[in-house]
Amino acid sequence: MAAYSKTVRLTLTAVLIALIGLLVLQALGYGVGFAIDPESGVNEFGYEEPTVVENLTVALVGLLGVGMVGIAALLVLSAILVWRAIPAGAYVAMMIGGIYVLSGLCAFRAEWWWDANFYTFTGALLIVLSAAVRWLQVQESRANAAGS
């Protein structure tokens, strides 16, 4: 039974790390562009090119880019910790999953359907996979402690 549990944990860990990798690429793909050139990033939000771009709009898009790069860094940290079976990795991934779900709900409100579905689905998946990996880590450590 313990070998089966370990196989499931390793498989779920690999799937979780693959999902984290996808989210890192997505966050960096948008975040770096928004941080470096926020003025051209204004078009990304589904609006026609405004004739006058207010400084606050450009600043907010740049700040969003910095935030996305920060999320990418946290996701990389989470992946490293999950790979090493350190409990904080799963908790960081769950927290980021919650941020993604909230971002998806905000996108639903703005009627950005593709973004809303992407963030809500990947955030929920990140939470569920992280919780499952953490639960299996606890079960495996309890089994090891009982067997010692």
C-alpha atoms as a PDB file:
ATOM      1  CA  MET A   1       0.000   0.000   0.000  1.00  0.00           C
ATOM      2  CA  ALA A   2       2.834   2.401   0.792  1.00  0.00           C
ATOM      3  CA  ALA A   3       4.378   1.938  -2.663  1.00  0.00           C
ATOM      4  CA  TYR A   4       1.037   2.779  -4.278  1.00  0.00           C
ATOM      5  CA  SER A   5       0.712   5.932  -2.167  1.00  0.00           C
ATOM      6  CA  LYS A   6       4.232   7.008  -3.046  1.00  0.00           C
ATOM      7  CA  THR A   7       3.566   6.455  -6.757  1.00  0.00           C
ATOM      8  CA  VAL A   8       0.387   8.526  -6.570  1.00  0.00           C
ATOM      9  CA  ARG A   9       2.193  11.276  -4.648  1.00  0.00           C
ATOM     10  CA  LEU A  10       5.049  11.389  -7.167  1.00  0.00           C
ATOM     11  CA  THR A  11       2.598  11.475 -10.076  1.00  0.00           C
ATOM     12  CA  LEU A  12       0.538  14.274  -8.528  1.00  0.00           C
ATOM     13  CA  THR A  13       3.741  16.135  -7.672  1.00  0.00           C
ATOM     14  CA  ALA A  14       4.878  15.899 -11.300  1.00  0.00           C
ATOM     15  CA  VAL A  15       1.486  17.148 -12.530  1.00  0.00           C
ATOM     16  CA  LEU A  16       1.557  19.991  -9.990  1.00  0.00           C
ATOM     17  CA  ILE A  17       5.058  21.036 -11.034  1.00  0.00           C
ATOM     18  CA  ALA A  18       4.039  20.899 -14.714  1.00  0.00           C
ATOM     19  CA  LEU A  19       1.053  23.158 -13.948  1.00  0.00           C
ATOM     20  CA  ILE A  20       3.304  25.513 -12.002  1.00  0.00           C
ATOM     21  CA  GLY A  21       5.692  25.569 -14.973  1.00  0.00           C
ATOM     22  CA  LEU A  22       2.845  26.538 -17.304  1.00  0.00           C
ATOM     23  CA  LEU A  23       1.740  29.301 -14.944  1.00  0.00           C
ATOM     24  CA  VAL A  24       5.314  30.600 -14.605  1.00  0.00           C
ATOM     25  CA  LEU A  25       5.602  30.876 -18.393  1.00  0.00           C
ATOM     26  CA  GLN A  26       2.221  32.603 -18.627  1.00  0.00           C
ATOM     27  CA  ALA A  27       3.022  35.038 -15.810  1.00  0.00           C
ATOM     28  CA  LEU A  28       6.441  35.879 -17.244  1.00  0.00           C
ATOM     29  CA  GLY A  29       5.058  36.174 -20.773  1.00  0.00           C
ATOM     30  CA  TYR A  30       2.638  38.881 -19.737  1.00  0.00           C
ATOM     31  CA  GLY A  31       4.441  40.314 -16.741  1.00  0.00           C
ATOM     32  CA  VAL A  32       7.754  41.143 -18.384  1.00  0.00           C
ATOM     33  CA  GLY A  33       6.006  42.838 -21.302  1.00  0.00           C
ATOM     34  CA  PHE A  34       3.748  44.865 -19.024  1.00  0.00           C
ATOM     35  CA  ALA A  35       6.647  45.871 -16.770  1.00  0.00           C
ATOM     36  CA  ILE A  36       8.993  46.874 -19.603  1.00  0.00           C
ATOM     37  CA  ASP A  37       6.469  48.587 -21.893  1.00  0.00           C
ATOM     38  CA  PRO A  38       3.250  49.258 -19.985  1.00  0.00           C
ATOM     39  CA  GLU A  39       1.956  51.701 -22.591  1.00  0.00           C
ATOM     40  CA  SER A  40       1.597  49.001 -25.245  1.00  0.00           C
ATOM     41  CA  GLY A  41       0.151  46.675 -22.599  1.00  0.00           C
ATOM     42  CA  VAL A  42      -2.950  48.848 -22.325  1.00  0.00           C
ATOM     43  CA  ASN A  43      -4.233  47.271 -25.586  1.00  0.00           C
ATOM     44  CA  GLU A  44      -4.141  43.814 -23.989  1.00  0.00           C
ATOM     45  CA  PHE A  45      -7.202  44.483 -21.880  1.00  0.00           C
ATOM     46  CA  GLY A  46      -9.707  44.214 -24.720  1.00  0.00           C
ATOM     47  CA  TYR A  47     -10.180  47.880 -25.355  1.00  0.00           C
ATOM     48  CA  GLU A  48      -9.498  49.823 -28.504  1.00  0.00           C
ATOM     49  CA  GLU A  49      -6.308  51.829 -28.525  1.00  0.00           C
ATOM     50  CA  PRO A  50      -7.212  54.914 -26.548  1.00  0.00           C
ATOM     51  CA  THR A  51      -6.316  58.202 -28.167  1.00  0.00           C
ATOM     52  CA  VAL A  52      -5.096  59.514 -24.834  1.00  0.00           C
ATOM     53  CA  VAL A  53      -3.555  57.121 -22.337  1.00  0.00           C
ATOM     54  CA  GLU A  54      -3.607  58.512 -18.858  1.00  0.00           C
ATOM     55  CA  ASN A  55      -0.468  58.221 -16.774  1.00  0.00           C
ATOM     56  CA  LEU A  56      -2.352  56.331 -14.069  1.00  0.00           C
ATOM     57  CA  THR A  57      -3.456  53.663 -16.562  1.00  0.00           C
ATOM     58  CA  VAL A  58       0.107  53.157 -17.763  1.00  0.00           C
ATOM     59  CA  ALA A  59       1.366  53.033 -14.173  1.00  0.00           C
ATOM     60  CA  LEU A  60      -1.249  50.432 -13.210  1.00  0.00           C
ATOM     61  CA  VAL A  61      -0.397  48.217 -16.192  1.00  0.00           C
ATOM     62  CA  GLY A  62       3.296  48.471 -15.263  1.00  0.00           C
ATOM     63  CA  LEU A  63       2.463  47.593 -11.672  1.00  0.00           C
ATOM     64  CA  LEU A  64       0.438  44.617 -12.868  1.00  0.00           C
ATOM     65  CA  GLY A  65       3.505  43.465 -14.798  1.00  0.00           C
ATOM     66  CA  VAL A  66       5.687  43.701 -11.710  1.00  0.00           C
ATOM     67  CA  GLY A  67       3.074  41.749  -9.748  1.00  0.00           C
ATOM     68  CA  MET A  68       2.979  39.008 -12.374  1.00  0.00           C
ATOM     69  CA  VAL A  69       6.758  38.693 -12.294  1.00  0.00           C
ATOM     70  CA  GLY A  70       6.488  38.425  -8.496  1.00  0.00           C
ATOM     71  CA  ILE A  71       3.868  35.679  -8.841  1.00  0.00           C
ATOM     72  CA  ALA A  72       6.201  33.847 -11.245  1.00  0.00           C
ATOM     73  CA  ALA A  73       8.992  34.045  -8.654  1.00  0.00           C
ATOM     74  CA  LEU A  74       6.675  32.692  -5.939  1.00  0.00           C
ATOM     75  CA  LEU A  75       5.571  29.886  -8.256  1.00  0.00           C
ATOM     76  CA  VAL A  76       9.205  28.909  -8.877  1.00  0.00           C
ATOM     77  CA  LEU A  77       9.839  28.929  -5.124  1.00  0.00           C
ATOM     78  CA  SER A  78       6.735  26.798  -4.623  1.00  0.00           C
ATOM     79  CA  ALA A  79       7.865  24.285  -7.257  1.00  0.00           C
ATOM     80  CA  ILE A  80      11.287  23.935  -5.632  1.00  0.00           C
ATOM     81  CA  LEU A  81       9.754  23.415  -2.195  1.00  0.00           C
ATOM     82  CA  VAL A  82       7.175  20.935  -3.508  1.00  0.00           C
ATOM     83  CA  TRP A  83       9.911  18.998  -5.304  1.00  0.00           C
ATOM     84  CA  ARG A  84      11.879  18.764  -2.057  1.00  0.00           C
ATOM     85  CA  ALA A  85       8.700  17.741  -0.157  1.00  0.00           C
ATOM     86  CA  ILE A  86       8.930  20.785   2.114  1.00  0.00           C
ATOM     87  CA  PRO A  87       5.423  21.567   3.414  1.00  0.00           C
ATOM     88  CA  ALA A  88       5.587  25.291   2.685  1.00  0.00           C
ATOM     89  CA  GLY A  89       5.661  24.596  -1.067  1.00  0.00           C
ATOM     90  CA  ALA A  90       2.140  23.232  -1.171  1.00  0.00           C
ATOM     91  CA  TYR A  91       0.858  26.036   1.041  1.00  0.00           C
ATOM     92  CA  VAL A  92       2.435  28.716  -1.173  1.00  0.00           C
ATOM     93  CA  ALA A  93       0.905  27.048  -4.241  1.00  0.00           C
ATOM     94  CA  MET A  94      -2.520  26.994  -2.548  1.00  0.00           C
ATOM     95  CA  MET A  95      -2.210  30.679  -1.716  1.00  0.00           C
ATOM     96  CA  ILE A  96      -1.313  31.533  -5.305  1.00  0.00           C
ATOM     97  CA  GLY A  97      -4.198  29.356  -6.474  1.00  0.00           C
ATOM     98  CA  GLY A  98      -6.505  31.485  -4.345  1.00  0.00           C
ATOM     99  CA  ILE A  99      -5.084  34.632  -5.929  1.00  0.00           C
ATOM    100  CA  TYR A 100      -5.709  33.138  -9.379  1.00  0.00           C
ATOM    101  CA  VAL A 101      -9.317  32.255  -8.496  1.00  0.00           C
ATOM    102  CA  LEU A 102      -9.915  35.805  -7.255  1.00  0.00           C
ATOM    103  CA  SER A 103      -8.307  37.190 -10.411  1.00  0.00           C
ATOM    104  CA  GLY A 104     -10.597  34.982 -12.466  1.00  0.00           C
ATOM    105  CA  LEU A 105     -13.644  36.276 -10.613  1.00  0.00           C
ATOM    106  CA  CYS A 106     -12.540  39.848 -11.329  1.00  0.00           C
ATOM    107  CA  ALA A 107     -12.123  38.937 -14.998  1.00  0.00           C
ATOM    108  CA  PHE A 108     -15.665  37.505 -15.018  1.00  0.00           C
ATOM    109  CA  ARG A 109     -16.921  40.830 -13.696  1.00  0.00           C
ATOM    110  CA  ALA A 110     -15.060  42.637 -16.492  1.00  0.00           C
ATOM    111  CA  GLU A 111     -16.464  40.134 -19.029  1.00  0.00           C
ATOM    112  CA  TRP A 112     -13.033  38.918 -20.155  1.00  0.00           C
ATOM    113  CA  TRP A 113     -14.280  35.372 -20.621  1.00  0.00           C
ATOM    114  CA  TRP A 114     -11.089  33.656 -21.746  1.00  0.00           C
ATOM    115  CA  ASP A 115      -9.014  35.182 -18.939  1.00  0.00           C
ATOM    116  CA  ALA A 116     -11.766  34.502 -16.423  1.00  0.00           C
ATOM    117  CA  ASN A 117     -11.956  30.833 -17.326  1.00  0.00           C
ATOM    118  CA  PHE A 118      -8.169  30.417 -17.455  1.00  0.00           C
ATOM    119  CA  TYR A 119      -7.471  32.004 -14.068  1.00  0.00           C
ATOM    120  CA  THR A 120     -10.425  30.431 -12.286  1.00  0.00           C
ATOM    121  CA  PHE A 121      -9.747  26.932 -13.631  1.00  0.00           C
ATOM    122  CA  THR A 122      -5.964  26.950 -13.150  1.00  0.00           C
ATOM    123  CA  GLY A 123      -6.314  28.527  -9.690  1.00  0.00           C
ATOM    124  CA  ALA A 124      -8.787  25.883  -8.564  1.00  0.00           C
ATOM    125  CA  LEU A 125      -6.625  23.144 -10.066  1.00  0.00           C
ATOM    126  CA  LEU A 126      -3.569  24.555  -8.303  1.00  0.00           C
ATOM    127  CA  ILE A 127      -5.409  24.520  -4.967  1.00  0.00           C
ATOM    128  CA  VAL A 128      -6.724  20.967  -5.405  1.00  0.00           C
ATOM    129  CA  LEU A 129      -3.414  19.501  -6.612  1.00  0.00           C
ATOM    130  CA  SER A 130      -1.434  21.259  -3.873  1.00  0.00           C
ATOM    131  CA  ALA A 131      -3.816  20.069  -1.189  1.00  0.00           C
ATOM    132  CA  ALA A 132      -3.689  16.509  -2.534  1.00  0.00           C
ATOM    133  CA  VAL A 133       0.115  16.508  -2.682  1.00  0.00           C
ATOM    134  CA  ARG A 134       0.360  17.909   0.846  1.00  0.00           C
ATOM    135  CA  TRP A 135      -2.167  15.369   2.170  1.00  0.00           C
ATOM    136  CA  LEU A 136      -0.204  12.511   0.576  1.00  0.00           C
ATOM    137  CA  GLN A 137       3.048  13.885   2.015  1.00  0.00           C
ATOM    138  CA  VAL A 138       1.506  13.847   5.493  1.00  0.00           C
ATOM    139  CA  GLN A 139       0.168  10.308   5.021  1.00  0.00           C
ATOM    140  CA  GLU A 140       3.554   9.090   3.827  1.00  0.00           C
ATOM    141  CA  SER A 141       5.401  10.724   6.724  1.00  0.00           C
ATOM    142  CA  ARG A 142       2.920   9.205   9.218  1.00  0.00           C
ATOM    143  CA  ALA A 143       3.400   5.769   7.640  1.00  0.00           C
ATOM    144  CA  ASN A 144       7.172   6.173   7.847  1.00  0.00           C
ATOM    145  CA  ALA A 145       6.963   7.263  11.477  1.00  0.00           C
ATOM    146  CA  ALA A 146       4.720   4.329  12.371  1.00  0.00           C
ATOM    147  CA  GLY A 147       7.031   1.901  10.615  1.00  0.00           C
ATOM    148  CA  SER A 148      10.151   3.178  12.374  1.00  0.00           C
END
